[in-house]
C-alpha cells in the first residue's frame, strides 16, 4: 500500500528544478495546512479522552484509533517531505524504519473503517444485541487485531527486503531521496505490495457496501428508528468516501506518470505539491471534520478545546450518545 511519503519524496526528486525561494514557498504552503490539521486532530484526540462518555463508547474508541493512525501518518509524511525538500539523503536502515512506520499507520485506517462500519451495522440491524456484541472489551480486541494485521504486513515487507544483497553495496547511503518506491527493492516486493493493497481495499469495500445494504433493508422495517437509520446510512457513505480517499494514494503513481508525460518538469513538480495537500494531507483531517461537525456529543466539547477554553461550556460526563 503506497503511503503519503511515496508521493512527495517522488515529487521532491525534481527539486533541483526549483530555486531556493520556490522550494521555501512550496514548503510553507504544505507545512501550514499540515500544522493546522495536526492541531485539529490532536485536539480531537484530546477531546475523545476528556469525557467518560467518549471513553466508554465503542464508536468513539474506534474513532480515536482512526484519528491516532491518521495523525501519525500525516506527521511521518510531512517529516519525509521536509527531508526530501532539504535534499537530505538517508541511509537504507533509517529510510526503511520511517517507511515501515508510515505503512503501518496508513494501513490501520481502512481496517478501522471496516470495523466502524460493522459496529454501525450491528447498532441498526441488531439493536437489542448491540450492547452485548459491541462492548469495550470486544472493541479493544478488534483494535489489537487491526494493528496486528498491519504489523504482520510490515513484517512480511521487511523479510522481503532481507533478500536484497545490501552487503554488496559500498555504502548504505541512499543515492536517491527516501521514498516508498526506493524501498520496493525487487519485483517480489512490488508484486506483494499490489496484491495486499487490492486485498485490503476490496475487502473493506465489500464489508462497507454490505453493511450499507443491510441498513437499507432494515430501514423498511416499521420497528426501526428511521432517524437512526438515516444517520447510519449517511455515515456509511462517508466511510466509503474516506476509503476512496485512502485508495487514491495507491493510484497516485499511475496518475503522476501520466501527468509527467504531458507537462514540463517544473510544472510537474509544482502539481505534485498540490496533489500532496489535496490527496494526502486533507484526507487525514477529514475524520475530525466529519465527526466534529456532525456529532452533537463531540461538537460542543471539540469547539470548547479548539477555542482554548475561552468559552465556559458545561458538558456532563453522562449524556446520551447521539447516533451518527
C-alpha atoms as a PDB file:
ATOM      1  CA  UNK A   1       0.000   0.000   0.000  1.00  0.00           C
ATOM      2  CA  UNK A   2       1.531   3.277  -1.064  1.00  0.00           C
ATOM      3  CA  UNK A   3       1.601   5.905   1.661  1.00  0.00           C
ATOM      4  CA  UNK A   4       1.936   9.661   1.680  1.00  0.00           C
ATOM      5  CA  UNK A   5       5.697   9.647   1.854  1.00  0.00           C
ATOM      6  CA  UNK A   6       5.777   7.956  -1.564  1.00  0.00           C
ATOM      7  CA  UNK A   7       4.136  10.914  -3.233  1.00  0.00           C
ATOM      8  CA  UNK A   8       6.168  13.777  -2.002  1.00  0.00           C
ATOM      9  CA  UNK A   9       9.542  12.127  -1.969  1.00  0.00           C
ATOM     10  CA  UNK A  10       8.977  11.393  -5.639  1.00  0.00           C
ATOM     11  CA  UNK A  11       7.858  14.966  -6.189  1.00  0.00           C
ATOM     12  CA  UNK A  12      10.835  16.456  -4.458  1.00  0.00           C
ATOM     13  CA  UNK A  13      13.134  14.265  -6.530  1.00  0.00           C
ATOM     14  CA  UNK A  14      12.783  17.089  -9.056  1.00  0.00           C
ATOM     15  CA  UNK A  15      13.753  19.713  -6.504  1.00  0.00           C
ATOM     16  CA  UNK A  16      16.835  20.637  -8.498  1.00  0.00           C
ATOM     17  CA  UNK A  17      14.428  22.233 -10.996  1.00  0.00           C
ATOM     18  CA  UNK A  18      13.241  24.641  -8.310  1.00  0.00           C
ATOM     19  CA  UNK A  19      15.062  27.579  -6.829  1.00  0.00           C
ATOM     20  CA  UNK A  20      15.542  28.046  -3.110  1.00  0.00           C
ATOM     21  CA  UNK A  21      12.795  30.671  -2.865  1.00  0.00           C
ATOM     22  CA  UNK A  22      10.292  28.487  -4.660  1.00  0.00           C
ATOM     23  CA  UNK A  23      11.142  25.466  -2.515  1.00  0.00           C
ATOM     24  CA  UNK A  24      10.640  27.564   0.604  1.00  0.00           C
ATOM     25  CA  UNK A  25       7.306  28.786  -0.745  1.00  0.00           C
ATOM     26  CA  UNK A  26       6.003  25.306  -1.505  1.00  0.00           C
ATOM     27  CA  UNK A  27       7.303  24.018   1.819  1.00  0.00           C
ATOM     28  CA  UNK A  28       5.366  26.752   3.599  1.00  0.00           C
ATOM     29  CA  UNK A  29       2.210  26.091   1.575  1.00  0.00           C
ATOM     30  CA  UNK A  30       2.280  22.403   2.501  1.00  0.00           C
ATOM     31  CA  UNK A  31       3.534  22.747   6.069  1.00  0.00           C
ATOM     32  CA  UNK A  32       0.963  25.333   7.212  1.00  0.00           C
ATOM     33  CA  UNK A  33      -2.099  23.162   6.363  1.00  0.00           C
ATOM     34  CA  UNK A  34      -0.331  20.182   7.904  1.00  0.00           C
ATOM     35  CA  UNK A  35       0.209  22.107  11.151  1.00  0.00           C
ATOM     36  CA  UNK A  36      -3.409  23.295  11.180  1.00  0.00           C
ATOM     37  CA  UNK A  37      -4.746  19.788  10.619  1.00  0.00           C
ATOM     38  CA  UNK A  38      -2.326  18.404  13.192  1.00  0.00           C
ATOM     39  CA  UNK A  39      -3.703  20.865  15.755  1.00  0.00           C
ATOM     40  CA  UNK A  40      -7.294  19.911  14.901  1.00  0.00           C
ATOM     41  CA  UNK A  41      -6.558  16.183  15.061  1.00  0.00           C
ATOM     42  CA  UNK A  42      -4.664  16.372  18.348  1.00  0.00           C
ATOM     43  CA  UNK A  43      -7.445  18.499  19.827  1.00  0.00           C
ATOM     44  CA  UNK A  44      -9.949  15.914  18.668  1.00  0.00           C
ATOM     45  CA  UNK A  45      -7.870  13.133  20.218  1.00  0.00           C
ATOM     46  CA  UNK A  46      -7.709  15.045  23.497  1.00  0.00           C
ATOM     47  CA  UNK A  47     -11.458  15.638  23.334  1.00  0.00           C
ATOM     48  CA  UNK A  48     -12.137  11.924  22.892  1.00  0.00           C
ATOM     49  CA  UNK A  49     -10.174  11.192  26.067  1.00  0.00           C
ATOM     50  CA  UNK A  50     -11.592  14.079  28.102  1.00  0.00           C
ATOM     51  CA  UNK A  51     -15.060  12.693  28.882  1.00  0.00           C
ATOM     52  CA  UNK A  52     -16.250   9.334  30.161  1.00  0.00           C
ATOM     53  CA  UNK A  53     -18.975   9.229  27.503  1.00  0.00           C
ATOM     54  CA  UNK A  54     -16.256   9.048  24.847  1.00  0.00           C
ATOM     55  CA  UNK A  55     -14.005   6.611  26.692  1.00  0.00           C
ATOM     56  CA  UNK A  56     -16.888   4.220  27.412  1.00  0.00           C
ATOM     57  CA  UNK A  57     -18.435   4.164  23.943  1.00  0.00           C
ATOM     58  CA  UNK A  58     -17.077   1.691  21.387  1.00  0.00           C
ATOM     59  CA  UNK A  59     -17.835   4.023  18.484  1.00  0.00           C
ATOM     60  CA  UNK A  60     -15.709   6.800  19.936  1.00  0.00           C
ATOM     61  CA  UNK A  61     -12.912   4.402  20.890  1.00  0.00           C
ATOM     62  CA  UNK A  62     -12.752   3.257  17.255  1.00  0.00           C
ATOM     63  CA  UNK A  63     -12.773   6.875  16.118  1.00  0.00           C
ATOM     64  CA  UNK A  64      -9.865   7.601  18.440  1.00  0.00           C
ATOM     65  CA  UNK A  65      -7.892   4.751  16.883  1.00  0.00           C
ATOM     66  CA  UNK A  66      -8.625   6.039  13.367  1.00  0.00           C
ATOM     67  CA  UNK A  67      -7.580   9.585  14.227  1.00  0.00           C
ATOM     68  CA  UNK A  68      -4.464   8.387  16.026  1.00  0.00           C
ATOM     69  CA  UNK A  69      -3.293   6.444  12.961  1.00  0.00           C
ATOM     70  CA  UNK A  70      -4.127   9.310  10.591  1.00  0.00           C
ATOM     71  CA  UNK A  71      -2.272  11.835  12.736  1.00  0.00           C
ATOM     72  CA  UNK A  72       0.849   9.659  12.911  1.00  0.00           C
ATOM     73  CA  UNK A  73       0.674   9.085   9.160  1.00  0.00           C
ATOM     74  CA  UNK A  74       0.375  12.802   8.459  1.00  0.00           C
ATOM     75  CA  UNK A  75       3.306  13.579  10.760  1.00  0.00           C
ATOM     76  CA  UNK A  76       5.573  10.973   9.166  1.00  0.00           C
ATOM     77  CA  UNK A  77       4.527  12.094   5.701  1.00  0.00           C
ATOM     78  CA  UNK A  78       5.405  15.715   6.410  1.00  0.00           C
ATOM     79  CA  UNK A  79       8.703  14.702   8.019  1.00  0.00           C
ATOM     80  CA  UNK A  80       9.751  12.764   4.915  1.00  0.00           C
ATOM     81  CA  UNK A  81       8.590  15.630   2.726  1.00  0.00           C
ATOM     82  CA  UNK A  82      10.769  18.125   4.590  1.00  0.00           C
ATOM     83  CA  UNK A  83      13.731  15.752   4.473  1.00  0.00           C
ATOM     84  CA  UNK A  84      13.344  15.449   0.702  1.00  0.00           C
ATOM     85  CA  UNK A  85      12.893  19.197   0.180  1.00  0.00           C
ATOM     86  CA  UNK A  86      16.111  19.783   2.136  1.00  0.00           C
ATOM     87  CA  UNK A  87      17.781  17.308  -0.268  1.00  0.00           C
ATOM     88  CA  UNK A  88      18.885  15.108   2.599  1.00  0.00           C
ATOM     89  CA  UNK A  89      19.676  11.530   1.655  1.00  0.00           C
ATOM     90  CA  UNK A  90      19.183   8.956   4.388  1.00  0.00           C
ATOM     91  CA  UNK A  91      20.707   5.528   4.877  1.00  0.00           C
ATOM     92  CA  UNK A  92      18.709   2.438   3.903  1.00  0.00           C
ATOM     93  CA  UNK A  93      18.052   1.375   7.543  1.00  0.00           C
ATOM     94  CA  UNK A  94      16.753   4.815   8.589  1.00  0.00           C
ATOM     95  CA  UNK A  95      14.627   5.162   5.461  1.00  0.00           C
ATOM     96  CA  UNK A  96      13.321   1.627   5.947  1.00  0.00           C
ATOM     97  CA  UNK A  97      12.204   2.319   9.529  1.00  0.00           C
ATOM     98  CA  UNK A  98      10.416   5.552   8.552  1.00  0.00           C
ATOM     99  CA  UNK A  99       8.747   3.882   5.585  1.00  0.00           C
ATOM    100  CA  UNK A 100       7.569   0.887   7.583  1.00  0.00           C
ATOM    101  CA  UNK A 101       6.100   3.116  10.290  1.00  0.00           C
ATOM    102  CA  UNK A 102       4.316   5.140   7.609  1.00  0.00           C
ATOM    103  CA  UNK A 103       2.992   1.946   6.029  1.00  0.00           C
ATOM    104  CA  UNK A 104       1.795   0.639   9.387  1.00  0.00           C
ATOM    105  CA  UNK A 105      -0.216   3.749  10.223  1.00  0.00           C
ATOM    106  CA  UNK A 106      -1.522   4.068   6.665  1.00  0.00           C
ATOM    107  CA  UNK A 107      -2.897   0.536   6.639  1.00  0.00           C
ATOM    108  CA  UNK A 108      -4.606   0.846  10.022  1.00  0.00           C
ATOM    109  CA  UNK A 109      -7.073   3.408   8.630  1.00  0.00           C
ATOM    110  CA  UNK A 110      -9.015   1.241   6.110  1.00  0.00           C
ATOM    111  CA  UNK A 111      -9.155  -1.680   8.547  1.00  0.00           C
ATOM    112  CA  UNK A 112     -10.512   0.603  11.271  1.00  0.00           C
ATOM    113  CA  UNK A 113     -13.139   1.960   8.867  1.00  0.00           C
ATOM    114  CA  UNK A 114     -14.155  -1.634   8.242  1.00  0.00           C
ATOM    115  CA  UNK A 115     -14.670  -2.285  11.962  1.00  0.00           C
ATOM    116  CA  UNK A 116     -16.529   1.021  12.407  1.00  0.00           C
ATOM    117  CA  UNK A 117     -18.906   0.087   9.588  1.00  0.00           C
ATOM    118  CA  UNK A 118     -19.623  -3.285  11.204  1.00  0.00           C
ATOM    119  CA  UNK A 119     -20.341  -1.521  14.502  1.00  0.00           C
ATOM    120  CA  UNK A 120     -22.892   0.749  12.819  1.00  0.00           C
ATOM    121  CA  UNK A 121     -24.470  -2.241  11.077  1.00  0.00           C
ATOM    122  CA  UNK A 122     -24.957  -4.068  14.387  1.00  0.00           C
ATOM    123  CA  UNK A 123     -26.333  -0.900  16.012  1.00  0.00           C
ATOM    124  CA  UNK A 124     -29.101  -0.567  13.412  1.00  0.00           C
ATOM    125  CA  UNK A 125     -29.805  -4.141  12.309  1.00  0.00           C
ATOM    126  CA  UNK A 126     -29.390  -5.824  15.711  1.00  0.00           C
ATOM    127  CA  UNK A 127     -30.121  -3.074  18.255  1.00  0.00           C
ATOM    128  CA  UNK A 128     -31.121  -5.475  21.032  1.00  0.00           C
ATOM    129  CA  UNK A 129     -27.808  -7.343  20.773  1.00  0.00           C
ATOM    130  CA  UNK A 130     -25.648  -4.270  20.225  1.00  0.00           C
ATOM    131  CA  UNK A 131     -24.780  -3.782  23.898  1.00  0.00           C
ATOM    132  CA  UNK A 132     -23.801  -7.462  24.149  1.00  0.00           C
ATOM    133  CA  UNK A 133     -21.770  -7.710  20.946  1.00  0.00           C
ATOM    134  CA  UNK A 134     -20.171  -4.264  20.816  1.00  0.00           C
ATOM    135  CA  UNK A 135     -18.515  -3.987  24.215  1.00  0.00           C
ATOM    136  CA  UNK A 136     -15.400  -2.064  25.189  1.00  0.00           C
ATOM    137  CA  UNK A 137     -13.540  -5.350  25.625  1.00  0.00           C
ATOM    138  CA  UNK A 138     -14.523  -6.598  22.166  1.00  0.00           C
ATOM    139  CA  UNK A 139     -13.644  -3.213  20.694  1.00  0.00           C
ATOM    140  CA  UNK A 140     -10.196  -3.346  22.274  1.00  0.00           C
ATOM    141  CA  UNK A 141      -9.699  -6.831  20.829  1.00  0.00           C
ATOM    142  CA  UNK A 142     -10.735  -5.584  17.375  1.00  0.00           C
ATOM    143  CA  UNK A 143      -8.243  -2.706  17.582  1.00  0.00           C
ATOM    144  CA  UNK A 144      -5.466  -5.084  18.610  1.00  0.00           C
ATOM    145  CA  UNK A 145      -6.312  -7.320  15.652  1.00  0.00           C
ATOM    146  CA  UNK A 146      -6.222  -4.329  13.283  1.00  0.00           C
ATOM    147  CA  UNK A 147      -2.760  -3.299  14.470  1.00  0.00           C
ATOM    148  CA  UNK A 148      -1.573  -6.929  14.475  1.00  0.00           C
ATOM    149  CA  UNK A 149      -2.642  -7.491  10.861  1.00  0.00           C
ATOM    150  CA  UNK A 150      -0.990  -4.242   9.803  1.00  0.00           C
ATOM    151  CA  UNK A 151       2.176  -5.139  11.729  1.00  0.00           C
ATOM    152  CA  UNK A 152       2.251  -8.589  10.138  1.00  0.00           C
ATOM    153  CA  UNK A 153       2.088  -6.981   6.722  1.00  0.00           C
ATOM    154  CA  UNK A 154       5.017  -4.717   7.611  1.00  0.00           C
ATOM    155  CA  UNK A 155       6.963  -7.732   8.877  1.00  0.00           C
ATOM    156  CA  UNK A 156       6.463  -9.513   5.550  1.00  0.00           C
ATOM    157  CA  UNK A 157       7.770  -6.452   3.719  1.00  0.00           C
ATOM    158  CA  UNK A 158      10.837  -6.396   5.953  1.00  0.00           C
ATOM    159  CA  UNK A 159      11.512 -10.079   5.230  1.00  0.00           C
ATOM    160  CA  UNK A 160      11.263  -9.348   1.504  1.00  0.00           C
ATOM    161  CA  UNK A 161      13.846  -6.591   1.916  1.00  0.00           C
ATOM    162  CA  UNK A 162      16.274  -9.029   3.513  1.00  0.00           C
ATOM    163  CA  UNK A 163      16.634 -10.806   0.154  1.00  0.00           C
ATOM    164  CA  UNK A 164      18.418  -7.771  -1.263  1.00  0.00           C
ATOM    165  CA  UNK A 165      22.253  -8.096  -1.096  1.00  0.00           C
ATOM    166  CA  UNK A 166      22.942  -4.966   0.947  1.00  0.00           C
ATOM    167  CA  UNK A 167      26.382  -6.364   1.828  1.00  0.00           C
ATOM    168  CA  UNK A 168      27.449  -5.895  -1.807  1.00  0.00           C
ATOM    169  CA  UNK A 169      26.891  -2.152  -1.609  1.00  0.00           C
ATOM    170  CA  UNK A 170      29.860   0.125  -0.998  1.00  0.00           C
ATOM    171  CA  UNK A 171      27.769   2.207   1.394  1.00  0.00           C
ATOM    172  CA  UNK A 172      24.307   2.091   2.931  1.00  0.00           C
ATOM    173  CA  UNK A 173      23.816   5.750   1.973  1.00  0.00           C
ATOM    174  CA  UNK A 174      20.919   6.074  -0.483  1.00  0.00           C
ATOM    175  CA  UNK A 175      21.569   7.617  -3.886  1.00  0.00           C
ATOM    176  CA  UNK A 176      18.030   8.998  -4.077  1.00  0.00           C
ATOM    177  CA  UNK A 177      15.555  10.518  -1.668  1.00  0.00           C
ATOM    178  CA  UNK A 178      13.834   8.245   0.831  1.00  0.00           C
ATOM    179  CA  UNK A 179      10.566   7.009  -0.633  1.00  0.00           C
ATOM    180  CA  UNK A 180       8.259   4.040  -0.811  1.00  0.00           C
ATOM    181  CA  UNK A 181       9.484   3.222  -4.297  1.00  0.00           C
ATOM    182  CA  UNK A 182      13.111   3.310  -3.160  1.00  0.00           C
ATOM    183  CA  UNK A 183      12.280   0.565  -0.634  1.00  0.00           C
ATOM    184  CA  UNK A 184      10.431  -1.625  -3.153  1.00  0.00           C
ATOM    185  CA  UNK A 185      13.608  -3.496  -3.994  1.00  0.00           C
ATOM    186  CA  UNK A 186      12.980  -6.321  -6.407  1.00  0.00           C
ATOM    187  CA  UNK A 187       9.857  -7.422  -8.328  1.00  0.00           C
ATOM    188  CA  UNK A 188       8.618  -9.631  -5.473  1.00  0.00           C
ATOM    189  CA  UNK A 189       8.213  -6.649  -3.150  1.00  0.00           C
ATOM    190  CA  UNK A 190       6.303  -4.733  -5.808  1.00  0.00           C
ATOM    191  CA  UNK A 191       4.008  -7.682  -6.569  1.00  0.00           C
ATOM    192  CA  UNK A 192       3.277  -8.231  -2.872  1.00  0.00           C
ATOM    193  CA  UNK A 193       2.541  -4.525  -2.414  1.00  0.00           C
ATOM    194  CA  UNK A 194      -0.025  -4.564  -5.228  1.00  0.00           C
ATOM    195  CA  UNK A 195      -1.629  -7.822  -4.062  1.00  0.00           C
ATOM    196  CA  UNK A 196      -2.011  -6.683  -0.450  1.00  0.00           C
ATOM    197  CA  UNK A 197      -3.400  -3.293  -1.496  1.00  0.00           C
ATOM    198  CA  UNK A 198      -6.046  -4.915  -3.717  1.00  0.00           C
ATOM    199  CA  UNK A 199      -6.984  -7.409  -0.987  1.00  0.00           C
ATOM    200  CA  UNK A 200      -7.402  -4.792   1.783  1.00  0.00           C
ATOM    201  CA  UNK A 201      -9.421  -2.297  -0.171  1.00  0.00           C
ATOM    202  CA  UNK A 202     -11.547  -4.925  -1.899  1.00  0.00           C
ATOM    203  CA  UNK A 203     -12.362  -6.471   1.486  1.00  0.00           C
ATOM    204  CA  UNK A 204     -13.111  -3.103   3.076  1.00  0.00           C
ATOM    205  CA  UNK A 205     -15.293  -2.026   0.148  1.00  0.00           C
ATOM    206  CA  UNK A 206     -17.295  -5.270   0.246  1.00  0.00           C
ATOM    207  CA  UNK A 207     -17.849  -5.055   4.027  1.00  0.00           C
ATOM    208  CA  UNK A 208     -18.882  -1.403   3.985  1.00  0.00           C
ATOM    209  CA  UNK A 209     -21.163  -1.909   0.976  1.00  0.00           C
ATOM    210  CA  UNK A 210     -22.811  -4.968   2.555  1.00  0.00           C
ATOM    211  CA  UNK A 211     -23.304  -3.000   5.783  1.00  0.00           C
ATOM    212  CA  UNK A 212     -24.959  -0.219   3.790  1.00  0.00           C
ATOM    213  CA  UNK A 213     -27.277  -2.687   2.051  1.00  0.00           C
ATOM    214  CA  UNK A 214     -28.144  -4.261   5.405  1.00  0.00           C
ATOM    215  CA  UNK A 215     -29.011  -0.847   6.840  1.00  0.00           C
ATOM    216  CA  UNK A 216     -31.192  -0.026   3.813  1.00  0.00           C
ATOM    217  CA  UNK A 217     -33.052  -3.319   4.234  1.00  0.00           C
ATOM    218  CA  UNK A 218     -33.541  -2.585   7.941  1.00  0.00           C
ATOM    219  CA  UNK A 219     -34.966   0.814   7.031  1.00  0.00           C
ATOM    220  CA  UNK A 220     -38.040  -0.917   5.585  1.00  0.00           C
ATOM    221  CA  UNK A 221     -38.900  -2.382   8.957  1.00  0.00           C
ATOM    222  CA  UNK A 222     -41.642  -0.498  10.759  1.00  0.00           C
ATOM    223  CA  UNK A 223     -39.986  -1.080  14.129  1.00  0.00           C
ATOM    224  CA  UNK A 224     -36.720   0.555  13.081  1.00  0.00           C
ATOM    225  CA  UNK A 225     -35.835   4.076  14.188  1.00  0.00           C
ATOM    226  CA  UNK A 226     -35.937   5.942  10.871  1.00  0.00           C
ATOM    227  CA  UNK A 227     -33.787   8.833  12.068  1.00  0.00           C
ATOM    228  CA  UNK A 228     -31.108   6.441  13.329  1.00  0.00           C
ATOM    229  CA  UNK A 229     -31.162   4.523  10.037  1.00  0.00           C
ATOM    230  CA  UNK A 230     -30.812   7.710   8.010  1.00  0.00           C
ATOM    231  CA  UNK A 231     -27.838   8.895  10.054  1.00  0.00           C
ATOM    232  CA  UNK A 232     -26.171   5.486   9.906  1.00  0.00           C
ATOM    233  CA  UNK A 233     -26.703   5.323   6.136  1.00  0.00           C
ATOM    234  CA  UNK A 234     -25.022   8.714   5.714  1.00  0.00           C
ATOM    235  CA  UNK A 235     -22.167   7.637   7.976  1.00  0.00           C
ATOM    236  CA  UNK A 236     -21.539   4.504   5.908  1.00  0.00           C
ATOM    237  CA  UNK A 237     -21.488   6.586   2.742  1.00  0.00           C
ATOM    238  CA  UNK A 238     -18.916   8.856   4.350  1.00  0.00           C
ATOM    239  CA  UNK A 239     -16.876   5.776   5.263  1.00  0.00           C
ATOM    240  CA  UNK A 240     -16.894   4.811   1.584  1.00  0.00           C
ATOM    241  CA  UNK A 241     -15.667   8.310   0.705  1.00  0.00           C
ATOM    242  CA  UNK A 242     -12.897   8.037   3.295  1.00  0.00           C
ATOM    243  CA  UNK A 243     -11.942   4.640   1.912  1.00  0.00           C
ATOM    244  CA  UNK A 244     -11.856   6.082  -1.590  1.00  0.00           C
ATOM    245  CA  UNK A 245      -9.566   8.895  -0.462  1.00  0.00           C
ATOM    246  CA  UNK A 246      -7.252   6.357   1.137  1.00  0.00           C
ATOM    247  CA  UNK A 247      -7.331   4.385  -2.102  1.00  0.00           C
ATOM    248  CA  UNK A 248      -6.344   7.498  -4.051  1.00  0.00           C
ATOM    249  CA  UNK A 249      -2.872   7.278  -2.517  1.00  0.00           C
ATOM    250  CA  UNK A 250      -2.413   3.838  -4.042  1.00  0.00           C
ATOM    251  CA  UNK A 251      -3.203   5.042  -7.561  1.00  0.00           C
ATOM    252  CA  UNK A 252      -1.058   8.155  -7.174  1.00  0.00           C
ATOM    253  CA  UNK A 253       1.898   6.779  -9.127  1.00  0.00           C
ATOM    254  CA  UNK A 254      -0.024   5.985 -12.347  1.00  0.00           C
ATOM    255  CA  UNK A 255      -1.560   9.471 -12.239  1.00  0.00           C
ATOM    256  CA  UNK A 256       1.823  11.098 -11.695  1.00  0.00           C
ATOM    257  CA  UNK A 257       3.392   9.093 -14.531  1.00  0.00           C
ATOM    258  CA  UNK A 258       0.604  10.159 -16.893  1.00  0.00           C
ATOM    259  CA  UNK A 259       0.940  13.825 -15.885  1.00  0.00           C
ATOM    260  CA  UNK A 260       4.731  13.762 -16.195  1.00  0.00           C
ATOM    261  CA  UNK A 261       4.446  12.762 -19.841  1.00  0.00           C
ATOM    262  CA  UNK A 262       2.247  15.707 -20.765  1.00  0.00           C
ATOM    263  CA  UNK A 263       3.699  18.692 -18.863  1.00  0.00           C
ATOM    264  CA  UNK A 264       7.104  20.251 -18.343  1.00  0.00           C
ATOM    265  CA  UNK A 265       9.249  19.095 -15.434  1.00  0.00           C
ATOM    266  CA  UNK A 266       8.877  22.302 -13.391  1.00  0.00           C
ATOM    267  CA  UNK A 267       5.090  22.324 -13.833  1.00  0.00           C
ATOM    268  CA  UNK A 268       5.060  18.657 -12.895  1.00  0.00           C
ATOM    269  CA  UNK A 269       6.904  19.312  -9.617  1.00  0.00           C
ATOM    270  CA  UNK A 270       4.502  22.132  -8.776  1.00  0.00           C
ATOM    271  CA  UNK A 271       1.468  19.950  -9.458  1.00  0.00           C
ATOM    272  CA  UNK A 272       2.800  17.292  -7.118  1.00  0.00           C
ATOM    273  CA  UNK A 273       2.780  19.790  -4.260  1.00  0.00           C
ATOM    274  CA  UNK A 274      -0.903  20.432  -4.964  1.00  0.00           C
ATOM    275  CA  UNK A 275      -1.626  16.694  -5.112  1.00  0.00           C
ATOM    276  CA  UNK A 276       0.156  16.231  -1.803  1.00  0.00           C
ATOM    277  CA  UNK A 277      -2.121  18.659   0.037  1.00  0.00           C
ATOM    278  CA  UNK A 278      -5.344  17.512  -1.657  1.00  0.00           C
ATOM    279  CA  UNK A 279      -4.766  13.743  -1.644  1.00  0.00           C
ATOM    280  CA  UNK A 280      -2.587  13.104   1.399  1.00  0.00           C
ATOM    281  CA  UNK A 281      -2.874  15.970   3.912  1.00  0.00           C
ATOM    282  CA  UNK A 282      -6.536  16.988   3.721  1.00  0.00           C
ATOM    283  CA  UNK A 283      -7.973  13.415   3.982  1.00  0.00           C
ATOM    284  CA  UNK A 284      -6.028  12.927   7.229  1.00  0.00           C
ATOM    285  CA  UNK A 285      -8.192  15.630   8.800  1.00  0.00           C
ATOM    286  CA  UNK A 286     -11.433  14.506   7.190  1.00  0.00           C
ATOM    287  CA  UNK A 287     -12.484  12.275  10.094  1.00  0.00           C
ATOM    288  CA  UNK A 288     -12.098  15.133  12.579  1.00  0.00           C
ATOM    289  CA  UNK A 289     -14.180  17.435  10.394  1.00  0.00           C
ATOM    290  CA  UNK A 290     -16.889  14.825   9.746  1.00  0.00           C
ATOM    291  CA  UNK A 291     -17.350  13.708  13.336  1.00  0.00           C
ATOM    292  CA  UNK A 292     -16.546  17.063  14.913  1.00  0.00           C
ATOM    293  CA  UNK A 293     -19.271  18.823  12.938  1.00  0.00           C
ATOM    294  CA  UNK A 294     -21.935  16.099  12.638  1.00  0.00           C
ATOM    295  CA  UNK A 295     -21.798  14.507  16.068  1.00  0.00           C
ATOM    296  CA  UNK A 296     -23.823  16.505  18.587  1.00  0.00           C
ATOM    297  CA  UNK A 297     -21.948  14.967  21.511  1.00  0.00           C
ATOM    298  CA  UNK A 298     -18.447  15.741  20.213  1.00  0.00           C
ATOM    299  CA  UNK A 299     -19.178  19.160  18.700  1.00  0.00           C
ATOM    300  CA  UNK A 300     -19.514  21.286  21.878  1.00  0.00           C
ATOM    301  CA  UNK A 301     -16.511  19.638  23.540  1.00  0.00           C
ATOM    302  CA  UNK A 302     -14.356  19.983  20.420  1.00  0.00           C
ATOM    303  CA  UNK A 303     -15.248  23.651  19.934  1.00  0.00           C
ATOM    304  CA  UNK A 304     -14.543  24.260  23.605  1.00  0.00           C
ATOM    305  CA  UNK A 305     -10.983  22.930  23.316  1.00  0.00           C
ATOM    306  CA  UNK A 306     -10.368  24.416  19.857  1.00  0.00           C
ATOM    307  CA  UNK A 307     -11.175  27.823  21.322  1.00  0.00           C
ATOM    308  CA  UNK A 308      -8.589  27.144  24.052  1.00  0.00           C
ATOM    309  CA  UNK A 309     -11.315  27.041  26.689  1.00  0.00           C
ATOM    310  CA  UNK A 310     -12.190  30.681  26.116  1.00  0.00           C
ATOM    311  CA  UNK A 311     -15.866  29.856  26.460  1.00  0.00           C
ATOM    312  CA  UNK A 312     -17.284  28.209  29.555  1.00  0.00           C
ATOM    313  CA  UNK A 313     -19.172  25.109  28.490  1.00  0.00           C
ATOM    314  CA  UNK A 314     -20.502  22.531  30.878  1.00  0.00           C
ATOM    315  CA  UNK A 315     -20.640  19.083  29.256  1.00  0.00           C
ATOM    316  CA  UNK A 316     -21.867  16.354  31.560  1.00  0.00           C
ATOM    317  CA  UNK A 317     -19.914  13.115  31.613  1.00  0.00           C
ATOM    318  CA  UNK A 318     -23.093  11.087  31.330  1.00  0.00           C
ATOM    319  CA  UNK A 319     -25.016  12.178  28.254  1.00  0.00           C
ATOM    320  CA  UNK A 320     -26.845  10.242  25.634  1.00  0.00           C
ATOM    321  CA  UNK A 321     -24.600   9.315  22.750  1.00  0.00           C
ATOM    322  CA  UNK A 322     -26.112  10.592  19.519  1.00  0.00           C
ATOM    323  CA  UNK A 323     -26.110   8.163  16.622  1.00  0.00           C
ATOM    324  CA  UNK A 324     -24.283   9.358  13.533  1.00  0.00           C
END
